[in-house]
Amino acid sequence: MDAVQIDRVRRFNRAVTARLGVLHDHYLGRDRPVGEARLLWEIGEDGQDVRRLRESLGLDSGYLSRLLRSLQADGLVTVEPHARDRRVRTARLTAAGRAERRVLDDRSDELAGALLAPLNPAARDRLVAAMAEVERLLTAATVRVEAVDPGHPDAAHCLRSYAAELAERFDTGFDPALSLLPDAGELKPPRGLFLVARLNGEPVGCAGLRLPAGAPAEIKRMWVAPGSRGLGLARRLVAELEAAAVRHGHDLLRLDTNRALDAAVALYRACGFREVPAFNDERYAHHWFEKRIGPKAAE
């Protein structure tokens, strides 16, 4: 990042906040600030766990509690403990809250129309396309990647989803017991690494790295949730695993994949992997790749 980039981001933020009216205590002409209005939208028709609200909006627990108390005082929401676990609290809209949300929807539609109205059709298309790109990139920047134990609940969720998708996409189905998948111990330090990607606190991707002594490092069990594809997450996971392999002294990184995973094949080639002859007898593999990494890669 450089000073010019930082300045442009700040200018963009100022322009957007002023144009959307979020600087006022009476957002969209109602008697509440934008934070309370946003909560009404996020709670939605079915209600939402308070923890999930905090994570999805990135709010401090104390500030979120104050917003909810204000909405409760106005009779717009209720906050109740879960019947089976009183540590879990759920916020729900009251009838008055649902009516207020409908008013906010109508006024938000009017504001969006007012933003587009001064522009000609071509300019409107450009603005909407730019907004979609900004949304995608901001969402990508929100994803957090961290190393976890392969037995962590988020890791287990990703691995179950990974296996279920392969079973659906492979011509022969997929049975983990017949694959050369590493056991959990091979993806724990110092023998390996397992990464989980989270978006708003929810697991949306994973990738494992084997670090065998005296042999090439190997990427295993890489998966990104369908709803989070297009954010560059798979490329980011590959880059992080590559960097980890270099830190552990490896100069060659390998992986295998199935022909049904055409997007994965394209990704590995774009990341600088070259196809090589089979280096294992993985029954579900049709393509084998490797890449020189670290200082030797530049020689």
C-alpha atoms as a PDB file:
ATOM      1  CA  MET A   1       0.000   0.000   0.000  1.00  0.00           C
ATOM      2  CA  ASP A   2       1.188   3.513  -0.720  1.00  0.00           C
ATOM      3  CA  ALA A   3       0.084   6.991   0.286  1.00  0.00           C
ATOM      4  CA  VAL A   4      -1.865   7.528  -2.939  1.00  0.00           C
ATOM      5  CA  GLN A   5      -3.925   4.370  -2.386  1.00  0.00           C
ATOM      6  CA  ILE A   6      -4.661   5.326   1.226  1.00  0.00           C
ATOM      7  CA  ASP A   7      -5.728   8.834   0.173  1.00  0.00           C
ATOM      8  CA  ARG A   8      -8.066   7.514  -2.518  1.00  0.00           C
ATOM      9  CA  VAL A   9      -9.709   5.070  -0.117  1.00  0.00           C
ATOM     10  CA  ARG A  10     -10.290   7.862   2.385  1.00  0.00           C
ATOM     11  CA  ARG A  11     -11.771  10.132  -0.296  1.00  0.00           C
ATOM     12  CA  PHE A  12     -14.066   7.319  -1.416  1.00  0.00           C
ATOM     13  CA  ASN A  13     -15.208   6.731   2.171  1.00  0.00           C
ATOM     14  CA  ARG A  14     -15.988  10.414   2.660  1.00  0.00           C
ATOM     15  CA  ALA A  15     -17.928  10.643  -0.598  1.00  0.00           C
ATOM     16  CA  VAL A  16     -20.005   7.544   0.125  1.00  0.00           C
ATOM     17  CA  THR A  17     -20.856   8.366   3.734  1.00  0.00           C
ATOM     18  CA  ALA A  18     -21.932  11.901   2.797  1.00  0.00           C
ATOM     19  CA  ARG A  19     -23.971  10.844  -0.228  1.00  0.00           C
ATOM     20  CA  LEU A  20     -25.770   8.022   1.610  1.00  0.00           C
ATOM     21  CA  GLY A  21     -26.713  10.172   4.563  1.00  0.00           C
ATOM     22  CA  VAL A  22     -25.151   7.959   7.210  1.00  0.00           C
ATOM     23  CA  LEU A  23     -23.675  10.969   9.044  1.00  0.00           C
ATOM     24  CA  HIS A  24     -27.072  11.978  10.403  1.00  0.00           C
ATOM     25  CA  ASP A  25     -28.811  10.710  13.547  1.00  0.00           C
ATOM     26  CA  HIS A  26     -32.059  10.441  11.544  1.00  0.00           C
ATOM     27  CA  TYR A  27     -31.078   7.945   8.832  1.00  0.00           C
ATOM     28  CA  LEU A  28     -33.538   7.895   5.913  1.00  0.00           C
ATOM     29  CA  GLY A  29     -35.624  10.457   7.781  1.00  0.00           C
ATOM     30  CA  ARG A  30     -36.432   8.107  10.666  1.00  0.00           C
ATOM     31  CA  ASP A  31     -35.820   8.665  14.380  1.00  0.00           C
ATOM     32  CA  ARG A  32     -32.744   6.460  14.590  1.00  0.00           C
ATOM     33  CA  PRO A  33     -29.116   6.365  13.369  1.00  0.00           C
ATOM     34  CA  VAL A  34     -27.863   4.069  10.638  1.00  0.00           C
ATOM     35  CA  GLY A  35     -26.551   1.504  13.165  1.00  0.00           C
ATOM     36  CA  GLU A  36     -30.031   0.765  14.495  1.00  0.00           C
ATOM     37  CA  ALA A  37     -31.516   0.682  10.993  1.00  0.00           C
ATOM     38  CA  ARG A  38     -28.848  -1.772   9.862  1.00  0.00           C
ATOM     39  CA  LEU A  39     -29.633  -4.045  12.791  1.00  0.00           C
ATOM     40  CA  LEU A  40     -33.289  -4.212  11.762  1.00  0.00           C
ATOM     41  CA  TRP A  41     -32.192  -5.383   8.301  1.00  0.00           C
ATOM     42  CA  GLU A  42     -29.668  -7.897   9.666  1.00  0.00           C
ATOM     43  CA  ILE A  43     -32.092  -9.424  12.160  1.00  0.00           C
ATOM     44  CA  GLY A  44     -34.474 -10.101   9.277  1.00  0.00           C
ATOM     45  CA  GLU A  45     -37.760 -11.948   9.263  1.00  0.00           C
ATOM     46  CA  ASP A  46     -36.445 -15.089  10.977  1.00  0.00           C
ATOM     47  CA  GLY A  47     -34.408 -13.490  13.748  1.00  0.00           C
ATOM     48  CA  GLN A  48     -30.671 -13.765  14.310  1.00  0.00           C
ATOM     49  CA  ASP A  49     -28.293 -14.877  17.060  1.00  0.00           C
ATOM     50  CA  VAL A  50     -26.691 -11.917  18.800  1.00  0.00           C
ATOM     51  CA  ARG A  51     -23.256 -13.503  18.352  1.00  0.00           C
ATOM     52  CA  ARG A  52     -23.824 -13.774  14.613  1.00  0.00           C
ATOM     53  CA  LEU A  53     -24.928 -10.130  14.468  1.00  0.00           C
ATOM     54  CA  ARG A  54     -21.773  -9.066  16.261  1.00  0.00           C
ATOM     55  CA  GLU A  55     -19.523 -11.018  13.913  1.00  0.00           C
ATOM     56  CA  SER A  56     -21.291 -10.126  10.663  1.00  0.00           C
ATOM     57  CA  LEU A  57     -21.316  -6.394  11.445  1.00  0.00           C
ATOM     58  CA  GLY A  58     -17.954  -6.295  13.218  1.00  0.00           C
ATOM     59  CA  LEU A  59     -19.424  -4.542  16.245  1.00  0.00           C
ATOM     60  CA  ASP A  60     -18.093  -4.305  19.773  1.00  0.00           C
ATOM     61  CA  SER A  61     -20.229  -6.311  22.210  1.00  0.00           C
ATOM     62  CA  GLY A  62     -20.999  -3.271  24.343  1.00  0.00           C
ATOM     63  CA  TYR A  63     -22.013  -1.114  21.381  1.00  0.00           C
ATOM     64  CA  LEU A  64     -24.212  -3.866  19.947  1.00  0.00           C
ATOM     65  CA  SER A  65     -25.921  -4.261  23.330  1.00  0.00           C
ATOM     66  CA  ARG A  66     -26.646  -0.533  23.449  1.00  0.00           C
ATOM     67  CA  LEU A  67     -28.157  -0.605  19.943  1.00  0.00           C
ATOM     68  CA  LEU A  68     -30.344  -3.580  20.832  1.00  0.00           C
ATOM     69  CA  ARG A  69     -31.494  -1.983  24.073  1.00  0.00           C
ATOM     70  CA  SER A  70     -32.519   1.133  22.172  1.00  0.00           C
ATOM     71  CA  LEU A  71     -34.528  -0.939  19.676  1.00  0.00           C
ATOM     72  CA  GLN A  72     -36.096  -2.896  22.531  1.00  0.00           C
ATOM     73  CA  ALA A  73     -37.089   0.334  24.268  1.00  0.00           C
ATOM     74  CA  ASP A  74     -38.851   1.405  21.067  1.00  0.00           C
ATOM     75  CA  GLY A  75     -40.697  -1.915  20.944  1.00  0.00           C
ATOM     76  CA  LEU A  76     -39.059  -2.955  17.674  1.00  0.00           C
ATOM     77  CA  VAL A  77     -37.125  -6.063  18.771  1.00  0.00           C
ATOM     78  CA  THR A  78     -37.058  -8.695  21.478  1.00  0.00           C
ATOM     79  CA  VAL A  79     -33.900 -10.426  22.727  1.00  0.00           C
ATOM     80  CA  GLU A  80     -34.413 -13.787  24.382  1.00  0.00           C
ATOM     81  CA  PRO A  81     -32.132 -16.655  25.473  1.00  0.00           C
ATOM     82  CA  HIS A  82     -32.234 -19.925  23.549  1.00  0.00           C
ATOM     83  CA  ALA A  83     -34.472 -22.562  25.118  1.00  0.00           C
ATOM     84  CA  ARG A  84     -31.657 -25.155  25.352  1.00  0.00           C
ATOM     85  CA  ASP A  85     -28.647 -22.872  25.871  1.00  0.00           C
ATOM     86  CA  ARG A  86     -29.218 -19.644  27.772  1.00  0.00           C
ATOM     87  CA  ARG A  87     -25.796 -18.375  26.730  1.00  0.00           C
ATOM     88  CA  VAL A  88     -27.144 -18.026  23.187  1.00  0.00           C
ATOM     89  CA  ARG A  89     -29.409 -15.014  22.718  1.00  0.00           C
ATOM     90  CA  THR A  90     -31.616 -14.416  19.694  1.00  0.00           C
ATOM     91  CA  ALA A  91     -32.921 -11.065  18.477  1.00  0.00           C
ATOM     92  CA  ARG A  92     -36.280 -11.009  16.699  1.00  0.00           C
ATOM     93  CA  LEU A  93     -38.368  -8.271  15.143  1.00  0.00           C
ATOM     94  CA  THR A  94     -41.711  -7.455  16.701  1.00  0.00           C
ATOM     95  CA  ALA A  95     -44.700  -6.560  14.531  1.00  0.00           C
ATOM     96  CA  ALA A  96     -43.719  -2.903  14.935  1.00  0.00           C
ATOM     97  CA  GLY A  97     -40.130  -3.806  14.002  1.00  0.00           C
ATOM     98  CA  ARG A  98     -41.255  -5.522  10.799  1.00  0.00           C
ATOM     99  CA  ALA A  99     -43.366  -2.477   9.907  1.00  0.00           C
ATOM    100  CA  GLU A 100     -40.389  -0.167  10.533  1.00  0.00           C
ATOM    101  CA  ARG A 101     -38.184  -2.399   8.388  1.00  0.00           C
ATOM    102  CA  ARG A 102     -40.669  -2.114   5.503  1.00  0.00           C
ATOM    103  CA  VAL A 103     -40.560   1.680   5.772  1.00  0.00           C
ATOM    104  CA  LEU A 104     -36.759   1.573   5.742  1.00  0.00           C
ATOM    105  CA  ASP A 105     -36.837  -0.685   2.665  1.00  0.00           C
ATOM    106  CA  ASP A 106     -39.071   1.773   0.802  1.00  0.00           C
ATOM    107  CA  ARG A 107     -36.941   4.775   1.722  1.00  0.00           C
ATOM    108  CA  SER A 108     -33.732   2.927   0.912  1.00  0.00           C
ATOM    109  CA  ASP A 109     -35.158   2.152  -2.548  1.00  0.00           C
ATOM    110  CA  GLU A 110     -35.925   5.850  -2.965  1.00  0.00           C
ATOM    111  CA  LEU A 111     -32.368   6.800  -1.973  1.00  0.00           C
ATOM    112  CA  ALA A 112     -30.914   4.305  -4.455  1.00  0.00           C
ATOM    113  CA  GLY A 113     -33.141   5.741  -7.177  1.00  0.00           C
ATOM    114  CA  ALA A 114     -32.025   9.265  -6.306  1.00  0.00           C
ATOM    115  CA  LEU A 115     -28.379   8.220  -6.692  1.00  0.00           C
ATOM    116  CA  LEU A 116     -29.022   6.810 -10.164  1.00  0.00           C
ATOM    117  CA  ALA A 117     -31.518   9.349 -11.486  1.00  0.00           C
ATOM    118  CA  PRO A 118     -29.041  12.127 -12.481  1.00  0.00           C
ATOM    119  CA  LEU A 119     -26.991   9.686 -14.588  1.00  0.00           C
ATOM    120  CA  ASN A 120     -27.624   8.549 -18.133  1.00  0.00           C
ATOM    121  CA  PRO A 121     -28.234   4.799 -18.701  1.00  0.00           C
ATOM    122  CA  ALA A 122     -24.613   4.040 -19.582  1.00  0.00           C
ATOM    123  CA  ALA A 123     -23.340   5.858 -16.508  1.00  0.00           C
ATOM    124  CA  ARG A 124     -25.854   4.009 -14.328  1.00  0.00           C
ATOM    125  CA  ASP A 125     -24.558   0.688 -15.629  1.00  0.00           C
ATOM    126  CA  ARG A 126     -20.983   1.766 -14.915  1.00  0.00           C
ATOM    127  CA  LEU A 127     -21.849   2.854 -11.386  1.00  0.00           C
ATOM    128  CA  VAL A 128     -23.752  -0.345 -10.557  1.00  0.00           C
ATOM    129  CA  ALA A 129     -20.947  -2.501 -12.001  1.00  0.00           C
ATOM    130  CA  ALA A 130     -18.352  -0.551  -9.996  1.00  0.00           C
ATOM    131  CA  MET A 131     -20.423  -0.997  -6.839  1.00  0.00           C
ATOM    132  CA  ALA A 132     -20.596  -4.759  -7.422  1.00  0.00           C
ATOM    133  CA  GLU A 133     -16.810  -4.886  -7.835  1.00  0.00           C
ATOM    134  CA  VAL A 134     -16.256  -2.831  -4.681  1.00  0.00           C
ATOM    135  CA  GLU A 135     -18.613  -5.107  -2.760  1.00  0.00           C
ATOM    136  CA  ARG A 136     -16.756  -8.204  -3.978  1.00  0.00           C
ATOM    137  CA  LEU A 137     -13.350  -6.801  -3.041  1.00  0.00           C
ATOM    138  CA  LEU A 138     -14.497  -5.544   0.344  1.00  0.00           C
ATOM    139  CA  THR A 139     -15.989  -8.965   1.068  1.00  0.00           C
ATOM    140  CA  ALA A 140     -12.692 -10.608   0.087  1.00  0.00           C
ATOM    141  CA  ALA A 141     -10.842  -8.256   2.448  1.00  0.00           C
ATOM    142  CA  THR A 142     -13.177  -9.320   5.267  1.00  0.00           C
ATOM    143  CA  VAL A 143     -12.150 -12.992   5.069  1.00  0.00           C
ATOM    144  CA  ARG A 144      -9.767 -14.068   7.822  1.00  0.00           C
ATOM    145  CA  VAL A 145      -7.441 -17.043   7.409  1.00  0.00           C
ATOM    146  CA  GLU A 146      -5.805 -18.775  10.345  1.00  0.00           C
ATOM    147  CA  ALA A 147      -4.133 -22.050  11.202  1.00  0.00           C
ATOM    148  CA  VAL A 148      -6.255 -24.371  13.346  1.00  0.00           C
ATOM    149  CA  ASP A 149      -6.167 -27.925  14.608  1.00  0.00           C
ATOM    150  CA  PRO A 150      -7.750 -30.242  11.988  1.00  0.00           C
ATOM    151  CA  GLY A 151     -10.133 -31.393  14.717  1.00  0.00           C
ATOM    152  CA  HIS A 152     -11.552 -27.906  15.293  1.00  0.00           C
ATOM    153  CA  PRO A 153     -15.319 -27.743  14.626  1.00  0.00           C
ATOM    154  CA  ASP A 154     -14.825 -25.230  11.797  1.00  0.00           C
ATOM    155  CA  ALA A 155     -12.208 -27.486  10.207  1.00  0.00           C
ATOM    156  CA  ALA A 156     -14.535 -30.481  10.549  1.00  0.00           C
ATOM    157  CA  HIS A 157     -17.340 -28.516   8.892  1.00  0.00           C
ATOM    158  CA  CYS A 158     -15.125 -27.650   5.932  1.00  0.00           C
ATOM    159  CA  LEU A 159     -13.859 -31.203   5.544  1.00  0.00           C
ATOM    160  CA  ARG A 160     -17.392 -32.632   5.587  1.00  0.00           C
ATOM    161  CA  SER A 161     -18.426 -30.103   2.950  1.00  0.00           C
ATOM    162  CA  TYR A 162     -15.303 -30.909   0.930  1.00  0.00           C
ATOM    163  CA  ALA A 163     -16.058 -34.640   0.918  1.00  0.00           C
ATOM    164  CA  ALA A 164     -19.742 -34.079   0.110  1.00  0.00           C
ATOM    165  CA  GLU A 165     -18.932 -31.889  -2.885  1.00  0.00           C
ATOM    166  CA  LEU A 166     -16.374 -34.348  -4.265  1.00  0.00           C
ATOM    167  CA  ALA A 167     -18.875 -37.199  -3.891  1.00  0.00           C
ATOM    168  CA  GLU A 168     -21.337 -35.202  -5.980  1.00  0.00           C
ATOM    169  CA  ARG A 169     -18.929 -33.976  -8.654  1.00  0.00           C
ATOM    170  CA  PHE A 170     -16.697 -37.003  -9.283  1.00  0.00           C
ATOM    171  CA  ASP A 171     -17.914 -39.496 -11.895  1.00  0.00           C
ATOM    172  CA  THR A 172     -17.046 -42.340  -9.534  1.00  0.00           C
ATOM    173  CA  GLY A 173     -18.279 -40.660  -6.368  1.00  0.00           C
ATOM    174  CA  PHE A 174     -15.843 -40.096  -3.512  1.00  0.00           C
ATOM    175  CA  ASP A 175     -15.027 -42.272  -0.530  1.00  0.00           C
ATOM    176  CA  PRO A 176     -12.473 -40.657   1.829  1.00  0.00           C
ATOM    177  CA  ALA A 177     -11.451 -44.119   3.046  1.00  0.00           C
ATOM    178  CA  LEU A 178     -10.190 -44.988  -0.457  1.00  0.00           C
ATOM    179  CA  SER A 179      -8.276 -41.747  -0.957  1.00  0.00           C
ATOM    180  CA  LEU A 180      -4.717 -40.902   0.024  1.00  0.00           C
ATOM    181  CA  LEU A 181      -5.953 -38.139   2.303  1.00  0.00           C
ATOM    182  CA  PRO A 182      -3.540 -37.492   5.177  1.00  0.00           C
ATOM    183  CA  ASP A 183      -4.658 -38.281   8.697  1.00  0.00           C
ATOM    184  CA  ALA A 184      -5.169 -35.398  11.095  1.00  0.00           C
ATOM    185  CA  GLY A 185      -1.711 -35.801  12.607  1.00  0.00           C
ATOM    186  CA  GLU A 186      -0.061 -35.077   9.267  1.00  0.00           C
ATOM    187  CA  LEU A 187      -1.709 -31.654   9.143  1.00  0.00           C
ATOM    188  CA  LYS A 188      -0.530 -30.513  12.579  1.00  0.00           C
ATOM    189  CA  PRO A 189       2.794 -28.817  13.322  1.00  0.00           C
ATOM    190  CA  PRO A 190       5.532 -29.790  12.845  1.00  0.00           C
ATOM    191  CA  ARG A 191       4.377 -32.335  10.244  1.00  0.00           C
ATOM    192  CA  GLY A 192       1.899 -30.048   8.560  1.00  0.00           C
ATOM    193  CA  LEU A 193      -0.512 -27.157   8.703  1.00  0.00           C
ATOM    194  CA  PHE A 194      -4.259 -26.698   8.327  1.00  0.00           C
ATOM    195  CA  LEU A 195      -5.839 -23.373   7.414  1.00  0.00           C
ATOM    196  CA  VAL A 196      -9.466 -22.320   7.806  1.00  0.00           C
ATOM    197  CA  ALA A 197     -10.927 -19.221   6.159  1.00  0.00           C
ATOM    198  CA  ARG A 198     -13.809 -17.444   7.887  1.00  0.00           C
ATOM    199  CA  LEU A 199     -16.180 -14.800   6.579  1.00  0.00           C
ATOM    200  CA  ASN A 200     -18.132 -12.973   9.285  1.00  0.00           C
ATOM    201  CA  GLY A 201     -17.135 -15.699  11.695  1.00  0.00           C
ATOM    202  CA  GLU A 202     -18.418 -18.547   9.502  1.00  0.00           C
ATOM    203  CA  PRO A 203     -16.035 -21.133   7.952  1.00  0.00           C
ATOM    204  CA  VAL A 204     -15.959 -20.766   4.155  1.00  0.00           C
ATOM    205  CA  GLY A 205     -12.790 -22.557   3.097  1.00  0.00           C
ATOM    206  CA  CYS A 206      -9.878 -24.719   4.119  1.00  0.00           C
ATOM    207  CA  ALA A 207      -6.547 -26.051   2.915  1.00  0.00           C
ATOM    208  CA  GLY A 208      -3.983 -28.439   4.344  1.00  0.00           C
ATOM    209  CA  LEU A 209      -0.233 -28.700   3.886  1.00  0.00           C
ATOM    210  CA  ARG A 210       1.909 -31.783   4.433  1.00  0.00           C
ATOM    211  CA  LEU A 211       5.519 -31.069   5.392  1.00  0.00           C
ATOM    212  CA  PRO A 212       7.275 -34.443   5.237  1.00  0.00           C
ATOM    213  CA  ALA A 213      10.959 -34.480   6.125  1.00  0.00           C
ATOM    214  CA  GLY A 214      13.211 -34.954   3.108  1.00  0.00           C
ATOM    215  CA  ALA A 215      10.324 -34.834   0.589  1.00  0.00           C
ATOM    216  CA  PRO A 216       8.338 -32.141  -1.255  1.00  0.00           C
ATOM    217  CA  ALA A 217       5.601 -30.282   0.586  1.00  0.00           C
ATOM    218  CA  GLU A 218       2.103 -31.173  -0.581  1.00  0.00           C
ATOM    219  CA  ILE A 219      -1.222 -29.322  -0.645  1.00  0.00           C
ATOM    220  CA  LYS A 220      -4.195 -31.421   0.446  1.00  0.00           C
ATOM    221  CA  ARG A 221      -7.892 -30.940   1.185  1.00  0.00           C
ATOM    222  CA  MET A 222      -8.351 -27.514  -0.367  1.00  0.00           C
ATOM    223  CA  TRP A 223     -11.970 -26.353  -0.549  1.00  0.00           C
ATOM    224  CA  VAL A 224     -13.885 -23.074  -0.830  1.00  0.00           C
ATOM    225  CA  ALA A 225     -17.620 -22.814  -0.151  1.00  0.00           C
ATOM    226  CA  PRO A 226     -19.607 -22.222  -3.373  1.00  0.00           C
ATOM    227  CA  GLY A 227     -21.037 -18.968  -2.028  1.00  0.00           C
ATOM    228  CA  SER A 228     -17.539 -17.581  -1.414  1.00  0.00           C
ATOM    229  CA  ARG A 229     -16.034 -18.423  -4.782  1.00  0.00           C
ATOM    230  CA  GLY A 230     -14.991 -15.520  -6.947  1.00  0.00           C
ATOM    231  CA  LEU A 231     -13.336 -13.720  -4.019  1.00  0.00           C
ATOM    232  CA  GLY A 232      -9.820 -14.929  -4.825  1.00  0.00           C
ATOM    233  CA  LEU A 233      -9.833 -17.073  -1.698  1.00  0.00           C
ATOM    234  CA  ALA A 234      -8.452 -20.232  -3.302  1.00  0.00           C
ATOM    235  CA  ARG A 235      -5.508 -18.279  -4.724  1.00  0.00           C
ATOM    236  CA  ARG A 236      -4.939 -16.721  -1.304  1.00  0.00           C
ATOM    237  CA  LEU A 237      -4.914 -20.131   0.395  1.00  0.00           C
ATOM    238  CA  VAL A 238      -2.410 -21.458  -2.147  1.00  0.00           C
ATOM    239  CA  ALA A 239      -0.165 -18.419  -1.590  1.00  0.00           C
ATOM    240  CA  GLU A 240      -0.277 -18.832   2.194  1.00  0.00           C
ATOM    241  CA  LEU A 241       0.546 -22.539   1.982  1.00  0.00           C
ATOM    242  CA  GLU A 242       3.389 -21.822  -0.421  1.00  0.00           C
ATOM    243  CA  ALA A 243       4.837 -19.241   1.961  1.00  0.00           C
ATOM    244  CA  ALA A 244       4.507 -21.700   4.858  1.00  0.00           C
ATOM    245  CA  ALA A 245       6.307 -24.414   2.899  1.00  0.00           C
ATOM    246  CA  VAL A 246       9.187 -22.016   2.169  1.00  0.00           C
ATOM    247  CA  ARG A 247       9.413 -21.035   5.848  1.00  0.00           C
ATOM    248  CA  HIS A 248       9.774 -24.719   6.705  1.00  0.00           C
ATOM    249  CA  GLY A 249      12.662 -25.130   4.283  1.00  0.00           C
ATOM    250  CA  HIS A 250      10.889 -26.775   1.330  1.00  0.00           C
ATOM    251  CA  ASP A 251      11.741 -25.826  -2.239  1.00  0.00           C
ATOM    252  CA  LEU A 252       9.174 -27.967  -4.081  1.00  0.00           C
ATOM    253  CA  LEU A 253       5.397 -27.931  -3.651  1.00  0.00           C
ATOM    254  CA  ARG A 254       3.124 -30.629  -5.075  1.00  0.00           C
ATOM    255  CA  LEU A 255      -0.566 -31.452  -5.380  1.00  0.00           C
ATOM    256  CA  ASP A 256      -2.924 -33.721  -7.269  1.00  0.00           C
ATOM    257  CA  THR A 257      -6.466 -33.124  -8.432  1.00  0.00           C
ATOM    258  CA  ASN A 258      -9.390 -34.643 -10.308  1.00  0.00           C
ATOM    259  CA  ARG A 259     -10.341 -33.777 -13.906  1.00  0.00           C
ATOM    260  CA  ALA A 260     -13.841 -32.804 -12.739  1.00  0.00           C
ATOM    261  CA  LEU A 261     -12.337 -29.864 -10.844  1.00  0.00           C
ATOM    262  CA  ASP A 262     -11.593 -27.785 -13.923  1.00  0.00           C
ATOM    263  CA  ALA A 263     -11.549 -24.481 -12.032  1.00  0.00           C
ATOM    264  CA  ALA A 264      -8.937 -25.905  -9.652  1.00  0.00           C
ATOM    265  CA  VAL A 265      -6.802 -27.095 -12.569  1.00  0.00           C
ATOM    266  CA  ALA A 266      -6.939 -23.615 -14.098  1.00  0.00           C
ATOM    267  CA  LEU A 267      -6.080 -22.038 -10.745  1.00  0.00           C
ATOM    268  CA  TYR A 268      -2.982 -24.177 -10.205  1.00  0.00           C
ATOM    269  CA  ARG A 269      -1.684 -23.396 -13.671  1.00  0.00           C
ATOM    270  CA  ALA A 270      -2.307 -19.688 -13.126  1.00  0.00           C
ATOM    271  CA  CYS A 271      -0.390 -19.921  -9.824  1.00  0.00           C
ATOM    272  CA  GLY A 272       2.696 -21.236 -11.615  1.00  0.00           C
ATOM    273  CA  PHE A 273       2.318 -24.986 -11.120  1.00  0.00           C
ATOM    274  CA  ARG A 274       3.318 -27.235 -14.023  1.00  0.00           C
ATOM    275  CA  GLU A 275       1.775 -30.598 -14.784  1.00  0.00           C
ATOM    276  CA  VAL A 276       4.077 -33.557 -14.148  1.00  0.00           C
ATOM    277  CA  PRO A 277       3.833 -37.359 -14.313  1.00  0.00           C
ATOM    278  CA  ALA A 278       2.005 -39.071 -11.474  1.00  0.00           C
ATOM    279  CA  PHE A 279       4.005 -39.053  -8.242  1.00  0.00           C
ATOM    280  CA  ASN A 280       1.495 -41.127  -6.229  1.00  0.00           C
ATOM    281  CA  ASP A 281      -1.242 -43.680  -6.804  1.00  0.00           C
ATOM    282  CA  GLU A 282      -4.190 -41.524  -5.677  1.00  0.00           C
ATOM    283  CA  ARG A 283      -7.192 -43.260  -7.242  1.00  0.00           C
ATOM    284  CA  TYR A 284      -9.161 -40.022  -7.615  1.00  0.00           C
ATOM    285  CA  ALA A 285      -6.369 -38.028  -9.295  1.00  0.00           C
ATOM    286  CA  HIS A 286      -6.028 -37.328 -13.022  1.00  0.00           C
ATOM    287  CA  HIS A 287      -3.605 -34.405 -12.840  1.00  0.00           C
ATOM    288  CA  TRP A 288      -0.413 -33.999 -10.828  1.00  0.00           C
ATOM    289  CA  PHE A 289       1.295 -30.626 -10.407  1.00  0.00           C
ATOM    290  CA  GLU A 290       4.430 -29.232  -8.848  1.00  0.00           C
ATOM    291  CA  LYS A 291       6.075 -25.835  -8.409  1.00  0.00           C
ATOM    292  CA  ARG A 292       9.561 -24.733  -7.467  1.00  0.00           C
ATOM    293  CA  ILE A 293       9.326 -22.334  -4.539  1.00  0.00           C
ATOM    294  CA  GLY A 294      11.642 -20.249  -2.401  1.00  0.00           C
ATOM    295  CA  PRO A 295      15.056 -18.882  -3.394  1.00  0.00           C
ATOM    296  CA  LYS A 296      15.777 -21.715  -5.848  1.00  0.00           C
ATOM    297  CA  ALA A 297      12.689 -20.844  -7.854  1.00  0.00           C
ATOM    298  CA  ALA A 298      14.376 -17.640  -9.050  1.00  0.00           C
ATOM    299  CA  GLU A 299      17.535 -19.379 -10.242  1.00  0.00           C
END
